[in-house]
């Protein structure tokens, strides 16, 4: 009588189920969200929009405050809008941006934790 010392491929690996499309969609959304937060300029833009007293800010004001070009602001805003961190409102020829209500609490937590961390250092 002989015994197999190594298990067959079927015995070594448990069968995996396919990933449901809802999980795939959630993963893609989360990936875009964290990629948007993974850039220092986008975090600076998010901070400026979050801390503005009028709750909305123009792309021109952001470009001036950060000393970057308007096209650069537009590039970053597209990513922040896609991640549902920022909303865009068109008023005539000007576009104004504000924190997206879906992630308002998350954005507030990011900058509140950041401020409390600085105070503890």
PDB file of N, CA and C in Angstrom:
ATOM      1  N   UNK A   1       0.839  -1.165   0.000  1.00  0.00           N
ATOM      2  CA  UNK A   1       0.000   0.000   0.000  1.00  0.00           C
ATOM      3  C   UNK A   1       0.893   1.240   0.000  1.00  0.00           C
ATOM      4  N   UNK A   2       0.590   2.178  -0.874  1.00  0.00           N
ATOM      5  CA  UNK A   2       1.380   3.399  -0.946  1.00  0.00           C
ATOM      6  C   UNK A   2       0.505   4.586  -0.577  1.00  0.00           C
ATOM      7  N   UNK A   3       1.144   5.535   0.062  1.00  0.00           N
ATOM      8  CA  UNK A   3       0.448   6.762   0.449  1.00  0.00           C
ATOM      9  C   UNK A   3       1.055   7.935  -0.300  1.00  0.00           C
ATOM     10  N   UNK A   4       0.221   8.824  -0.714  1.00  0.00           N
ATOM     11  CA  UNK A   4       0.719  10.024  -1.393  1.00  0.00           C
ATOM     12  C   UNK A   4       1.283  10.959  -0.337  1.00  0.00           C
ATOM     13  N   UNK A   5       2.538  11.341  -0.493  1.00  0.00           N
ATOM     14  CA  UNK A   5       3.169  12.237   0.468  1.00  0.00           C
ATOM     15  C   UNK A   5       2.785  13.691   0.246  1.00  0.00           C
ATOM     16  N   UNK A   6       2.475  14.021  -0.966  1.00  0.00           N
ATOM     17  CA  UNK A   6       2.057  15.397  -1.248  1.00  0.00           C
ATOM     18  C   UNK A   6       0.608  15.378  -1.702  1.00  0.00           C
ATOM     19  N   UNK A   7      -0.182  16.271  -1.140  1.00  0.00           N
ATOM     20  CA  UNK A   7      -1.586  16.298  -1.546  1.00  0.00           C
ATOM     21  C   UNK A   7      -1.731  16.820  -2.967  1.00  0.00           C
ATOM     22  N   UNK A   8      -2.812  16.434  -3.582  1.00  0.00           N
ATOM     23  CA  UNK A   8      -3.076  16.927  -4.935  1.00  0.00           C
ATOM     24  C   UNK A   8      -3.397  18.415  -4.865  1.00  0.00           C
ATOM     25  N   UNK A   9      -3.389  19.053  -6.003  1.00  0.00           N
ATOM     26  CA  UNK A   9      -3.675  20.492  -6.063  1.00  0.00           C
ATOM     27  C   UNK A   9      -5.047  20.797  -5.490  1.00  0.00           C
ATOM     28  N   UNK A  10      -6.007  19.916  -5.725  1.00  0.00           N
ATOM     29  CA  UNK A  10      -7.357  20.128  -5.198  1.00  0.00           C
ATOM     30  C   UNK A  10      -7.378  20.087  -3.677  1.00  0.00           C
ATOM     31  N   UNK A  11      -6.508  19.303  -3.080  1.00  0.00           N
ATOM     32  CA  UNK A  11      -6.471  19.174  -1.628  1.00  0.00           C
ATOM     33  C   UNK A  11      -5.677  20.306  -0.974  1.00  0.00           C
ATOM     34  N   UNK A  12      -4.727  20.889  -1.668  1.00  0.00           N
ATOM     35  CA  UNK A  12      -3.880  21.931  -1.090  1.00  0.00           C
ATOM     36  C   UNK A  12      -4.567  23.279  -0.994  1.00  0.00           C
ATOM     37  N   UNK A  13      -5.442  23.563  -1.907  1.00  0.00           N
ATOM     38  CA  UNK A  13      -6.045  24.891  -1.961  1.00  0.00           C
ATOM     39  C   UNK A  13      -7.556  24.788  -1.838  1.00  0.00           C
ATOM     40  N   UNK A  14      -8.081  25.560  -0.927  1.00  0.00           N
ATOM     41  CA  UNK A  14      -9.533  25.606  -0.793  1.00  0.00           C
ATOM     42  C   UNK A  14     -10.099  26.359  -1.987  1.00  0.00           C
ATOM     43  N   UNK A  15     -11.220  25.919  -2.493  1.00  0.00           N
ATOM     44  CA  UNK A  15     -11.804  26.637  -3.636  1.00  0.00           C
ATOM     45  C   UNK A  15     -12.249  28.039  -3.218  1.00  0.00           C
ATOM     46  N   UNK A  16     -11.970  28.990  -4.058  1.00  0.00           N
ATOM     47  CA  UNK A  16     -12.363  30.368  -3.780  1.00  0.00           C
ATOM     48  C   UNK A  16     -13.607  30.712  -4.570  1.00  0.00           C
ATOM     49  N   UNK A  17     -14.433  31.504  -3.932  1.00  0.00           N
ATOM     50  CA  UNK A  17     -15.621  31.990  -4.626  1.00  0.00           C
ATOM     51  C   UNK A  17     -15.230  33.224  -5.422  1.00  0.00           C
ATOM     52  N   UNK A  18     -16.042  33.581  -6.379  1.00  0.00           N
ATOM     53  CA  UNK A  18     -15.776  34.816  -7.119  1.00  0.00           C
ATOM     54  C   UNK A  18     -16.187  36.007  -6.257  1.00  0.00           C
ATOM     55  N   UNK A  19     -15.596  37.138  -6.526  1.00  0.00           N
ATOM     56  CA  UNK A  19     -15.888  38.352  -5.768  1.00  0.00           C
ATOM     57  C   UNK A  19     -17.184  38.957  -6.309  1.00  0.00           C
ATOM     58  N   UNK A  20     -18.167  39.194  -5.429  1.00  0.00           N
ATOM     59  CA  UNK A  20     -19.420  39.800  -5.899  1.00  0.00           C
ATOM     60  C   UNK A  20     -19.176  41.188  -6.484  1.00  0.00           C
ATOM     61  N   UNK A  21     -19.978  41.546  -7.452  1.00  0.00           N
ATOM     62  CA  UNK A  21     -19.791  42.844  -8.118  1.00  0.00           C
ATOM     63  C   UNK A  21     -19.952  44.005  -7.146  1.00  0.00           C
ATOM     64  N   UNK A  22     -20.770  43.840  -6.109  1.00  0.00           N
ATOM     65  CA  UNK A  22     -20.923  44.929  -5.131  1.00  0.00           C
ATOM     66  C   UNK A  22     -19.624  45.171  -4.378  1.00  0.00           C
ATOM     67  N   UNK A  23     -18.898  44.114  -4.085  1.00  0.00           N
ATOM     68  CA  UNK A  23     -17.604  44.255  -3.406  1.00  0.00           C
ATOM     69  C   UNK A  23     -16.598  44.885  -4.360  1.00  0.00           C
ATOM     70  N   UNK A  24     -16.614  44.468  -5.605  1.00  0.00           N
ATOM     71  CA  UNK A  24     -15.711  45.043  -6.606  1.00  0.00           C
ATOM     72  C   UNK A  24     -15.971  46.532  -6.763  1.00  0.00           C
ATOM     73  N   UNK A  25     -17.229  46.918  -6.839  1.00  0.00           N
ATOM     74  CA  UNK A  25     -17.581  48.337  -6.962  1.00  0.00           C
ATOM     75  C   UNK A  25     -17.121  49.125  -5.741  1.00  0.00           C
ATOM     76  N   UNK A  26     -17.329  48.562  -4.553  1.00  0.00           N
ATOM     77  CA  UNK A  26     -16.902  49.223  -3.316  1.00  0.00           C
ATOM     78  C   UNK A  26     -15.389  49.363  -3.279  1.00  0.00           C
ATOM     79  N   UNK A  27     -14.686  48.330  -3.700  1.00  0.00           N
ATOM     80  CA  UNK A  27     -13.219  48.369  -3.715  1.00  0.00           C
ATOM     81  C   UNK A  27     -12.712  49.441  -4.668  1.00  0.00           C
ATOM     82  N   UNK A  28     -13.339  49.552  -5.837  1.00  0.00           N
ATOM     83  CA  UNK A  28     -12.928  50.577  -6.801  1.00  0.00           C
ATOM     84  C   UNK A  28     -13.184  51.977  -6.251  1.00  0.00           C
ATOM     85  N   UNK A  29     -14.328  52.162  -5.601  1.00  0.00           N
ATOM     86  CA  UNK A  29     -14.648  53.473  -5.027  1.00  0.00           C
ATOM     87  C   UNK A  29     -13.670  53.825  -3.906  1.00  0.00           C
ATOM     88  N   UNK A  30     -13.379  52.861  -3.045  1.00  0.00           N
ATOM     89  CA  UNK A  30     -12.441  53.098  -1.948  1.00  0.00           C
ATOM     90  C   UNK A  30     -11.045  53.397  -2.484  1.00  0.00           C
ATOM     91  N   UNK A  31     -10.641  52.689  -3.523  1.00  0.00           N
ATOM     92  CA  UNK A  31      -9.334  52.920  -4.123  1.00  0.00           C
ATOM     93  C   UNK A  31      -9.221  54.345  -4.647  1.00  0.00           C
ATOM     94  N   UNK A  32     -10.239  54.803  -5.361  1.00  0.00           N
ATOM     95  CA  UNK A  32     -10.246  56.180  -5.866  1.00  0.00           C
ATOM     96  C   UNK A  32     -10.233  57.202  -4.748  1.00  0.00           C
ATOM     97  N   UNK A  33     -10.973  56.912  -3.683  1.00  0.00           N
ATOM     98  CA  UNK A  33     -11.032  57.802  -2.522  1.00  0.00           C
ATOM     99  C   UNK A  33      -9.644  57.962  -1.902  1.00  0.00           C
ATOM    100  N   UNK A  34      -8.973  56.844  -1.649  1.00  0.00           N
ATOM    101  CA  UNK A  34      -7.661  56.915  -1.007  1.00  0.00           C
ATOM    102  C   UNK A  34      -6.575  57.439  -1.941  1.00  0.00           C
ATOM    103  N   UNK A  35      -6.704  57.175  -3.236  1.00  0.00           N
ATOM    104  CA  UNK A  35      -5.755  57.763  -4.192  1.00  0.00           C
ATOM    105  C   UNK A  35      -5.891  59.282  -4.203  1.00  0.00           C
ATOM    106  N   UNK A  36      -7.122  59.760  -4.119  1.00  0.00           N
ATOM    107  CA  UNK A  36      -7.350  61.212  -4.098  1.00  0.00           C
ATOM    108  C   UNK A  36      -6.709  61.836  -2.867  1.00  0.00           C
ATOM    109  N   UNK A  37      -6.741  61.126  -1.750  1.00  0.00           N
ATOM    110  CA  UNK A  37      -6.135  61.639  -0.520  1.00  0.00           C
ATOM    111  C   UNK A  37      -4.626  61.425  -0.475  1.00  0.00           C
ATOM    112  N   UNK A  38      -4.095  60.672  -1.418  1.00  0.00           N
ATOM    113  CA  UNK A  38      -2.678  60.333  -1.409  1.00  0.00           C
ATOM    114  C   UNK A  38      -1.766  61.360  -2.049  1.00  0.00           C
ATOM    115  N   UNK A  39      -2.279  62.530  -2.350  1.00  0.00           N
ATOM    116  CA  UNK A  39      -1.476  63.572  -2.983  1.00  0.00           C
ATOM    117  C   UNK A  39      -1.478  64.814  -2.086  1.00  0.00           C
ATOM    118  N   UNK A  40      -0.302  65.350  -1.794  1.00  0.00           N
ATOM    119  CA  UNK A  40      -0.187  66.492  -0.881  1.00  0.00           C
ATOM    120  C   UNK A  40      -0.938  67.720  -1.388  1.00  0.00           C
ATOM    121  N   UNK A  41      -0.872  67.989  -2.675  1.00  0.00           N
ATOM    122  CA  UNK A  41      -1.574  69.162  -3.219  1.00  0.00           C
ATOM    123  C   UNK A  41      -3.079  69.004  -3.061  1.00  0.00           C
ATOM    124  N   UNK A  42      -3.593  67.799  -3.300  1.00  0.00           N
ATOM    125  CA  UNK A  42      -5.033  67.585  -3.134  1.00  0.00           C
ATOM    126  C   UNK A  42      -5.441  67.734  -1.674  1.00  0.00           C
ATOM    127  N   UNK A  43      -4.596  67.295  -0.764  1.00  0.00           N
ATOM    128  CA  UNK A  43      -4.904  67.488   0.659  1.00  0.00           C
ATOM    129  C   UNK A  43      -4.897  68.973   1.021  1.00  0.00           C
ATOM    130  N   UNK A  44      -3.978  69.728   0.445  1.00  0.00           N
ATOM    131  CA  UNK A  44      -3.954  71.177   0.688  1.00  0.00           C
ATOM    132  C   UNK A  44      -5.212  71.837   0.131  1.00  0.00           C
ATOM    133  N   UNK A  45      -5.625  71.434  -1.058  1.00  0.00           N
ATOM    134  CA  UNK A  45      -6.855  71.964  -1.652  1.00  0.00           C
ATOM    135  C   UNK A  45      -8.043  71.618  -0.761  1.00  0.00           C
ATOM    136  N   UNK A  46      -8.119  70.379  -0.339  1.00  0.00           N
ATOM    137  CA  UNK A  46      -9.213  69.935   0.519  1.00  0.00           C
ATOM    138  C   UNK A  46      -9.245  70.736   1.816  1.00  0.00           C
ATOM    139  N   UNK A  47      -8.074  70.973   2.385  1.00  0.00           N
ATOM    140  CA  UNK A  47      -7.991  71.761   3.620  1.00  0.00           C
ATOM    141  C   UNK A  47      -8.487  73.191   3.393  1.00  0.00           C
ATOM    142  N   UNK A  48      -8.056  73.812   2.314  1.00  0.00           N
ATOM    143  CA  UNK A  48      -8.486  75.187   2.035  1.00  0.00           C
ATOM    144  C   UNK A  48      -9.994  75.273   1.822  1.00  0.00           C
ATOM    145  N   UNK A  49     -10.548  74.316   1.114  1.00  0.00           N
ATOM    146  CA  UNK A  49     -11.999  74.313   0.898  1.00  0.00           C
ATOM    147  C   UNK A  49     -12.716  74.054   2.224  1.00  0.00           C
ATOM    148  N   UNK A  50     -12.196  73.133   3.016  1.00  0.00           N
ATOM    149  CA  UNK A  50     -12.798  72.787   4.305  1.00  0.00           C
ATOM    150  C   UNK A  50     -12.797  73.970   5.276  1.00  0.00           C
ATOM    151  N   UNK A  51     -11.734  74.750   5.266  1.00  0.00           N
ATOM    152  CA  UNK A  51     -11.592  75.824   6.257  1.00  0.00           C
ATOM    153  C   UNK A  51     -12.086  77.185   5.785  1.00  0.00           C
ATOM    154  N   UNK A  52     -12.565  77.295   4.555  1.00  0.00           N
ATOM    155  CA  UNK A  52     -13.039  78.587   4.079  1.00  0.00           C
ATOM    156  C   UNK A  52     -14.317  78.983   4.809  1.00  0.00           C
ATOM    157  N   UNK A  53     -14.447  80.255   5.116  1.00  0.00           N
ATOM    158  CA  UNK A  53     -15.604  80.744   5.874  1.00  0.00           C
ATOM    159  C   UNK A  53     -16.876  80.753   5.044  1.00  0.00           C
ATOM    160  N   UNK A  54     -16.752  80.868   3.739  1.00  0.00           N
ATOM    161  CA  UNK A  54     -17.938  80.938   2.885  1.00  0.00           C
ATOM    162  C   UNK A  54     -18.434  79.553   2.477  1.00  0.00           C
ATOM    163  N   UNK A  55     -17.735  78.508   2.848  1.00  0.00           N
ATOM    164  CA  UNK A  55     -18.032  77.102   2.548  1.00  0.00           C
ATOM    165  C   UNK A  55     -17.896  76.742   1.071  1.00  0.00           C
ATOM    166  N   UNK A  56     -17.497  77.678   0.248  1.00  0.00           N
ATOM    167  CA  UNK A  56     -17.192  77.372  -1.154  1.00  0.00           C
ATOM    168  C   UNK A  56     -16.082  78.296  -1.619  1.00  0.00           C
ATOM    169  N   UNK A  57     -15.305  77.809  -2.556  1.00  0.00           N
ATOM    170  CA  UNK A  57     -14.132  78.557  -3.004  1.00  0.00           C
ATOM    171  C   UNK A  57     -13.953  78.352  -4.511  1.00  0.00           C
ATOM    172  N   UNK A  58     -13.436  79.368  -5.167  1.00  0.00           N
ATOM    173  CA  UNK A  58     -13.223  79.279  -6.618  1.00  0.00           C
ATOM    174  C   UNK A  58     -11.875  78.626  -6.921  1.00  0.00           C
ATOM    175  N   UNK A  59     -11.782  78.065  -8.108  1.00  0.00           N
ATOM    176  CA  UNK A  59     -10.525  77.463  -8.554  1.00  0.00           C
ATOM    177  C   UNK A  59      -9.433  78.518  -8.637  1.00  0.00           C
ATOM    178  N   UNK A  60      -9.808  79.729  -9.039  1.00  0.00           N
ATOM    179  CA  UNK A  60      -8.851  80.823  -9.143  1.00  0.00           C
ATOM    180  C   UNK A  60      -8.257  81.160  -7.773  1.00  0.00           C
ATOM    181  N   UNK A  61      -9.098  81.198  -6.756  1.00  0.00           N
ATOM    182  CA  UNK A  61      -8.617  81.482  -5.399  1.00  0.00           C
ATOM    183  C   UNK A  61      -7.678  80.383  -4.913  1.00  0.00           C
ATOM    184  N   UNK A  62      -7.998  79.142  -5.240  1.00  0.00           N
ATOM    185  CA  UNK A  62      -7.130  78.027  -4.850  1.00  0.00           C
ATOM    186  C   UNK A  62      -5.784  78.107  -5.555  1.00  0.00           C
ATOM    187  N   UNK A  63      -5.805  78.414  -6.844  1.00  0.00           N
ATOM    188  CA  UNK A  63      -4.561  78.537  -7.607  1.00  0.00           C
ATOM    189  C   UNK A  63      -3.680  79.620  -7.006  1.00  0.00           C
ATOM    190  N   UNK A  64      -4.288  80.748  -6.656  1.00  0.00           N
ATOM    191  CA  UNK A  64      -3.539  81.860  -6.067  1.00  0.00           C
ATOM    192  C   UNK A  64      -2.986  81.479  -4.691  1.00  0.00           C
ATOM    193  N   UNK A  65      -3.811  80.873  -3.857  1.00  0.00           N
ATOM    194  CA  UNK A  65      -3.393  80.518  -2.494  1.00  0.00           C
ATOM    195  C   UNK A  65      -2.266  79.489  -2.483  1.00  0.00           C
ATOM    196  N   UNK A  66      -2.289  78.569  -3.431  1.00  0.00           N
ATOM    197  CA  UNK A  66      -1.285  77.502  -3.469  1.00  0.00           C
ATOM    198  C   UNK A  66      -0.131  77.786  -4.417  1.00  0.00           C
ATOM    199  N   UNK A  67      -0.211  78.913  -5.126  1.00  0.00           N
ATOM    200  CA  UNK A  67       0.804  79.299  -6.101  1.00  0.00           C
ATOM    201  C   UNK A  67       1.013  78.204  -7.153  1.00  0.00           C
ATOM    202  N   UNK A  68      -0.116  77.727  -7.685  1.00  0.00           N
ATOM    203  CA  UNK A  68      -0.087  76.755  -8.773  1.00  0.00           C
ATOM    204  C   UNK A  68      -0.994  77.266  -9.891  1.00  0.00           C
ATOM    205  N   UNK A  69      -0.878  76.680 -11.063  1.00  0.00           N
ATOM    206  CA  UNK A  69      -1.672  77.149 -12.205  1.00  0.00           C
ATOM    207  C   UNK A  69      -3.124  76.675 -12.102  1.00  0.00           C
ATOM    208  N   UNK A  70      -4.000  77.387 -12.782  1.00  0.00           N
ATOM    209  CA  UNK A  70      -5.414  77.009 -12.823  1.00  0.00           C
ATOM    210  C   UNK A  70      -5.611  75.609 -13.425  1.00  0.00           C
ATOM    211  N   UNK A  71      -4.894  75.258 -14.510  1.00  0.00           N
ATOM    212  CA  UNK A  71      -5.044  73.893 -15.032  1.00  0.00           C
ATOM    213  C   UNK A  71      -4.628  72.813 -14.023  1.00  0.00           C
ATOM    214  N   UNK A  72      -3.640  73.121 -13.193  1.00  0.00           N
ATOM    215  CA  UNK A  72      -3.225  72.167 -12.161  1.00  0.00           C
ATOM    216  C   UNK A  72      -4.333  71.996 -11.130  1.00  0.00           C
ATOM    217  N   UNK A  73      -4.961  73.102 -10.747  1.00  0.00           N
ATOM    218  CA  UNK A  73      -6.095  73.022  -9.819  1.00  0.00           C
ATOM    219  C   UNK A  73      -7.200  72.175 -10.440  1.00  0.00           C
ATOM    220  N   UNK A  74      -7.501  72.421 -11.699  1.00  0.00           N
ATOM    221  CA  UNK A  74      -8.549  71.668 -12.395  1.00  0.00           C
ATOM    222  C   UNK A  74      -8.243  70.175 -12.406  1.00  0.00           C
ATOM    223  N   UNK A  75      -6.999  69.829 -12.677  1.00  0.00           N
ATOM    224  CA  UNK A  75      -6.570  68.423 -12.678  1.00  0.00           C
ATOM    225  C   UNK A  75      -6.863  67.773 -11.323  1.00  0.00           C
ATOM    226  N   UNK A  76      -6.466  68.440 -10.250  1.00  0.00           N
ATOM    227  CA  UNK A  76      -6.674  67.890  -8.910  1.00  0.00           C
ATOM    228  C   UNK A  76      -8.153  67.869  -8.538  1.00  0.00           C
ATOM    229  N   UNK A  77      -8.887  68.893  -8.946  1.00  0.00           N
ATOM    230  CA  UNK A  77     -10.310  68.944  -8.618  1.00  0.00           C
ATOM    231  C   UNK A  77     -11.075  67.803  -9.276  1.00  0.00           C
ATOM    232  N   UNK A  78     -10.701  67.430 -10.479  1.00  0.00           N
ATOM    233  CA  UNK A  78     -11.368  66.313 -11.155  1.00  0.00           C
ATOM    234  C   UNK A  78     -11.244  65.043 -10.325  1.00  0.00           C
ATOM    235  N   UNK A  79     -10.085  64.825  -9.746  1.00  0.00           N
ATOM    236  CA  UNK A  79      -9.871  63.634  -8.924  1.00  0.00           C
ATOM    237  C   UNK A  79     -10.640  63.721  -7.609  1.00  0.00           C
ATOM    238  N   UNK A  80     -10.675  64.904  -7.008  1.00  0.00           N
ATOM    239  CA  UNK A  80     -11.422  65.081  -5.762  1.00  0.00           C
ATOM    240  C   UNK A  80     -12.930  64.953  -5.992  1.00  0.00           C
ATOM    241  N   UNK A  81     -13.401  65.434  -7.123  1.00  0.00           N
ATOM    242  CA  UNK A  81     -14.823  65.306  -7.468  1.00  0.00           C
ATOM    243  C   UNK A  81     -15.168  63.842  -7.730  1.00  0.00           C
ATOM    244  N   UNK A  82     -14.315  63.142  -8.466  1.00  0.00           N
ATOM    245  CA  UNK A  82     -14.554  61.725  -8.763  1.00  0.00           C
ATOM    246  C   UNK A  82     -14.601  60.888  -7.488  1.00  0.00           C
ATOM    247  N   UNK A  83     -13.824  61.281  -6.482  1.00  0.00           N
ATOM    248  CA  UNK A  83     -13.799  60.567  -5.203  1.00  0.00           C
ATOM    249  C   UNK A  83     -14.913  61.032  -4.267  1.00  0.00           C
ATOM    250  N   UNK A  84     -15.750  61.929  -4.729  1.00  0.00           N
ATOM    251  CA  UNK A  84     -16.862  62.490  -3.948  1.00  0.00           C
ATOM    252  C   UNK A  84     -16.381  63.184  -2.673  1.00  0.00           C
ATOM    253  N   UNK A  85     -15.236  63.845  -2.784  1.00  0.00           N
ATOM    254  CA  UNK A  85     -14.726  64.654  -1.679  1.00  0.00           C
ATOM    255  C   UNK A  85     -15.114  66.113  -1.862  1.00  0.00           C
ATOM    256  N   UNK A  86     -15.285  66.529  -3.100  1.00  0.00           N
ATOM    257  CA  UNK A  86     -15.582  67.920  -3.458  1.00  0.00           C
ATOM    258  C   UNK A  86     -16.780  67.936  -4.409  1.00  0.00           C
ATOM    259  N   UNK A  87     -17.596  68.979  -4.292  1.00  0.00           N
ATOM    260  CA  UNK A  87     -18.653  69.204  -5.280  1.00  0.00           C
ATOM    261  C   UNK A  87     -18.328  70.478  -6.045  1.00  0.00           C
ATOM    262  N   UNK A  88     -18.848  70.565  -7.256  1.00  0.00           N
ATOM    263  CA  UNK A  88     -18.599  71.715  -8.132  1.00  0.00           C
ATOM    264  C   UNK A  88     -19.925  72.369  -8.454  1.00  0.00           C
ATOM    265  N   UNK A  89     -19.968  73.696  -8.324  1.00  0.00           N
ATOM    266  CA  UNK A  89     -21.158  74.475  -8.656  1.00  0.00           C
ATOM    267  C   UNK A  89     -20.763  75.546  -9.659  1.00  0.00           C
ATOM    268  N   UNK A  90     -21.407  75.550 -10.799  1.00  0.00           N
ATOM    269  CA  UNK A  90     -21.117  76.533 -11.842  1.00  0.00           C
ATOM    270  C   UNK A  90     -21.998  77.760 -11.632  1.00  0.00           C
ATOM    271  N   UNK A  91     -21.395  78.927 -11.541  1.00  0.00           N
ATOM    272  CA  UNK A  91     -22.113  80.201 -11.426  1.00  0.00           C
ATOM    273  C   UNK A  91     -21.577  81.124 -12.514  1.00  0.00           C
ATOM    274  N   UNK A  92     -22.299  81.186 -13.624  1.00  0.00           N
ATOM    275  CA  UNK A  92     -21.806  81.968 -14.752  1.00  0.00           C
ATOM    276  C   UNK A  92     -20.549  81.338 -15.298  1.00  0.00           C
ATOM    277  N   UNK A  93     -19.503  82.149 -15.442  1.00  0.00           N
ATOM    278  CA  UNK A  93     -18.253  81.589 -15.961  1.00  0.00           C
ATOM    279  C   UNK A  93     -17.349  81.055 -14.853  1.00  0.00           C
ATOM    280  N   UNK A  94     -17.751  81.217 -13.597  1.00  0.00           N
ATOM    281  CA  UNK A  94     -16.935  80.770 -12.471  1.00  0.00           C
ATOM    282  C   UNK A  94     -17.446  79.452 -11.905  1.00  0.00           C
ATOM    283  N   UNK A  95     -16.524  78.622 -11.481  1.00  0.00           N
ATOM    284  CA  UNK A  95     -16.870  77.375 -10.799  1.00  0.00           C
ATOM    285  C   UNK A  95     -16.467  77.507  -9.336  1.00  0.00           C
ATOM    286  N   UNK A  96     -17.341  77.074  -8.463  1.00  0.00           N
ATOM    287  CA  UNK A  96     -17.075  77.109  -7.030  1.00  0.00           C
ATOM    288  C   UNK A  96     -17.111  75.684  -6.485  1.00  0.00           C
ATOM    289  N   UNK A  97     -16.251  75.448  -5.514  1.00  0.00           N
ATOM    290  CA  UNK A  97     -16.103  74.107  -4.965  1.00  0.00           C
ATOM    291  C   UNK A  97     -16.390  74.120  -3.474  1.00  0.00           C
ATOM    292  N   UNK A  98     -16.988  73.039  -3.013  1.00  0.00           N
ATOM    293  CA  UNK A  98     -17.251  72.879  -1.584  1.00  0.00           C
ATOM    294  C   UNK A  98     -17.074  71.405  -1.220  1.00  0.00           C
ATOM    295  N   UNK A  99     -17.058  71.132   0.070  1.00  0.00           N
ATOM    296  CA  UNK A  99     -16.904  69.759   0.542  1.00  0.00           C
ATOM    297  C   UNK A  99     -18.179  68.985   0.206  1.00  0.00           C
ATOM    298  N   UNK A 100     -18.015  67.800  -0.342  1.00  0.00           N
ATOM    299  CA  UNK A 100     -19.167  66.959  -0.692  1.00  0.00           C
ATOM    300  C   UNK A 100     -19.837  66.485   0.602  1.00  0.00           C
ATOM    301  N   UNK A 101     -21.156  66.604   0.708  1.00  0.00           N
ATOM    302  CA  UNK A 101     -21.840  66.202   1.940  1.00  0.00           C
ATOM    303  C   UNK A 101     -21.662  64.722   2.292  1.00  0.00           C
ATOM    304  N   UNK A 102     -21.435  63.875   1.296  1.00  0.00           N
ATOM    305  CA  UNK A 102     -21.256  62.443   1.556  1.00  0.00           C
ATOM    306  C   UNK A 102     -20.048  62.190   2.456  1.00  0.00           C
ATOM    307  N   UNK A 103     -18.979  62.960   2.262  1.00  0.00           N
ATOM    308  CA  UNK A 103     -17.751  62.741   3.029  1.00  0.00           C
ATOM    309  C   UNK A 103     -17.396  63.922   3.938  1.00  0.00           C
ATOM    310  N   UNK A 104     -18.356  64.766   4.254  1.00  0.00           N
ATOM    311  CA  UNK A 104     -18.076  65.939   5.092  1.00  0.00           C
ATOM    312  C   UNK A 104     -17.524  65.533   6.459  1.00  0.00           C
ATOM    313  N   UNK A 105     -18.105  64.504   7.075  1.00  0.00           N
ATOM    314  CA  UNK A 105     -17.624  64.056   8.387  1.00  0.00           C
ATOM    315  C   UNK A 105     -16.218  63.473   8.294  1.00  0.00           C
ATOM    316  N   UNK A 106     -15.945  62.754   7.223  1.00  0.00           N
ATOM    317  CA  UNK A 106     -14.617  62.164   7.029  1.00  0.00           C
ATOM    318  C   UNK A 106     -13.565  63.252   6.859  1.00  0.00           C
ATOM    319  N   UNK A 107     -13.879  64.249   6.048  1.00  0.00           N
ATOM    320  CA  UNK A 107     -12.944  65.359   5.829  1.00  0.00           C
ATOM    321  C   UNK A 107     -12.715  66.109   7.138  1.00  0.00           C
ATOM    322  N   UNK A 108     -13.778  66.353   7.886  1.00  0.00           N
ATOM    323  CA  UNK A 108     -13.639  67.034   9.179  1.00  0.00           C
ATOM    324  C   UNK A 108     -12.746  66.228  10.111  1.00  0.00           C
ATOM    325  N   UNK A 109     -12.919  64.920  10.125  1.00  0.00           N
ATOM    326  CA  UNK A 109     -12.102  64.067  10.991  1.00  0.00           C
ATOM    327  C   UNK A 109     -10.636  64.095  10.586  1.00  0.00           C
ATOM    328  N   UNK A 110     -10.366  64.120   9.294  1.00  0.00           N
ATOM    329  CA  UNK A 110      -8.977  64.162   8.815  1.00  0.00           C
ATOM    330  C   UNK A 110      -8.261  65.383   9.374  1.00  0.00           C
ATOM    331  N   UNK A 111      -8.891  66.542   9.256  1.00  0.00           N
ATOM    332  CA  UNK A 111      -8.213  67.766   9.666  1.00  0.00           C
ATOM    333  C   UNK A 111      -8.316  68.022  11.163  1.00  0.00           C
ATOM    334  N   UNK A 112      -9.322  67.499  11.822  1.00  0.00           N
ATOM    335  CA  UNK A 112      -9.417  67.610  13.276  1.00  0.00           C
ATOM    336  C   UNK A 112      -8.340  66.751  13.919  1.00  0.00           C
ATOM    337  N   UNK A 113      -8.177  65.519  13.428  1.00  0.00           N
ATOM    338  CA  UNK A 113      -7.137  64.636  13.949  1.00  0.00           C
ATOM    339  C   UNK A 113      -5.759  65.198  13.658  1.00  0.00           C
ATOM    340  N   UNK A 114      -5.592  65.792  12.500  1.00  0.00           N
ATOM    341  CA  UNK A 114      -4.311  66.385  12.132  1.00  0.00           C
ATOM    342  C   UNK A 114      -3.947  67.510  13.093  1.00  0.00           C
ATOM    343  N   UNK A 115      -4.918  68.375  13.410  1.00  0.00           N
ATOM    344  CA  UNK A 115      -4.669  69.481  14.337  1.00  0.00           C
ATOM    345  C   UNK A 115      -4.376  68.975  15.742  1.00  0.00           C
ATOM    346  N   UNK A 116      -5.115  67.965  16.220  1.00  0.00           N
ATOM    347  CA  UNK A 116      -4.880  67.460  17.568  1.00  0.00           C
ATOM    348  C   UNK A 116      -3.547  66.727  17.647  1.00  0.00           C
ATOM    349  N   UNK A 117      -3.125  66.087  16.554  1.00  0.00           N
ATOM    350  CA  UNK A 117      -1.829  65.415  16.519  1.00  0.00           C
ATOM    351  C   UNK A 117      -0.697  66.437  16.625  1.00  0.00           C
ATOM    352  N   UNK A 118      -0.824  67.564  15.928  1.00  0.00           N
ATOM    353  CA  UNK A 118       0.203  68.606  15.976  1.00  0.00           C
ATOM    354  C   UNK A 118       0.333  69.174  17.384  1.00  0.00           C
ATOM    355  N   UNK A 119      -0.791  69.325  18.081  1.00  0.00           N
ATOM    356  CA  UNK A 119      -0.763  69.887  19.431  1.00  0.00           C
ATOM    357  C   UNK A 119      -0.086  68.948  20.417  1.00  0.00           C
ATOM    358  N   UNK A 120      -0.156  67.635  20.157  1.00  0.00           N
ATOM    359  CA  UNK A 120       0.440  66.676  21.083  1.00  0.00           C
ATOM    360  C   UNK A 120       1.940  66.508  20.872  1.00  0.00           C
ATOM    361  N   UNK A 121       2.462  67.034  19.773  1.00  0.00           N
ATOM    362  CA  UNK A 121       3.901  66.881  19.482  1.00  0.00           C
ATOM    363  C   UNK A 121       4.711  67.923  20.211  1.00  0.00           C
TER     364      UNK A 121
END
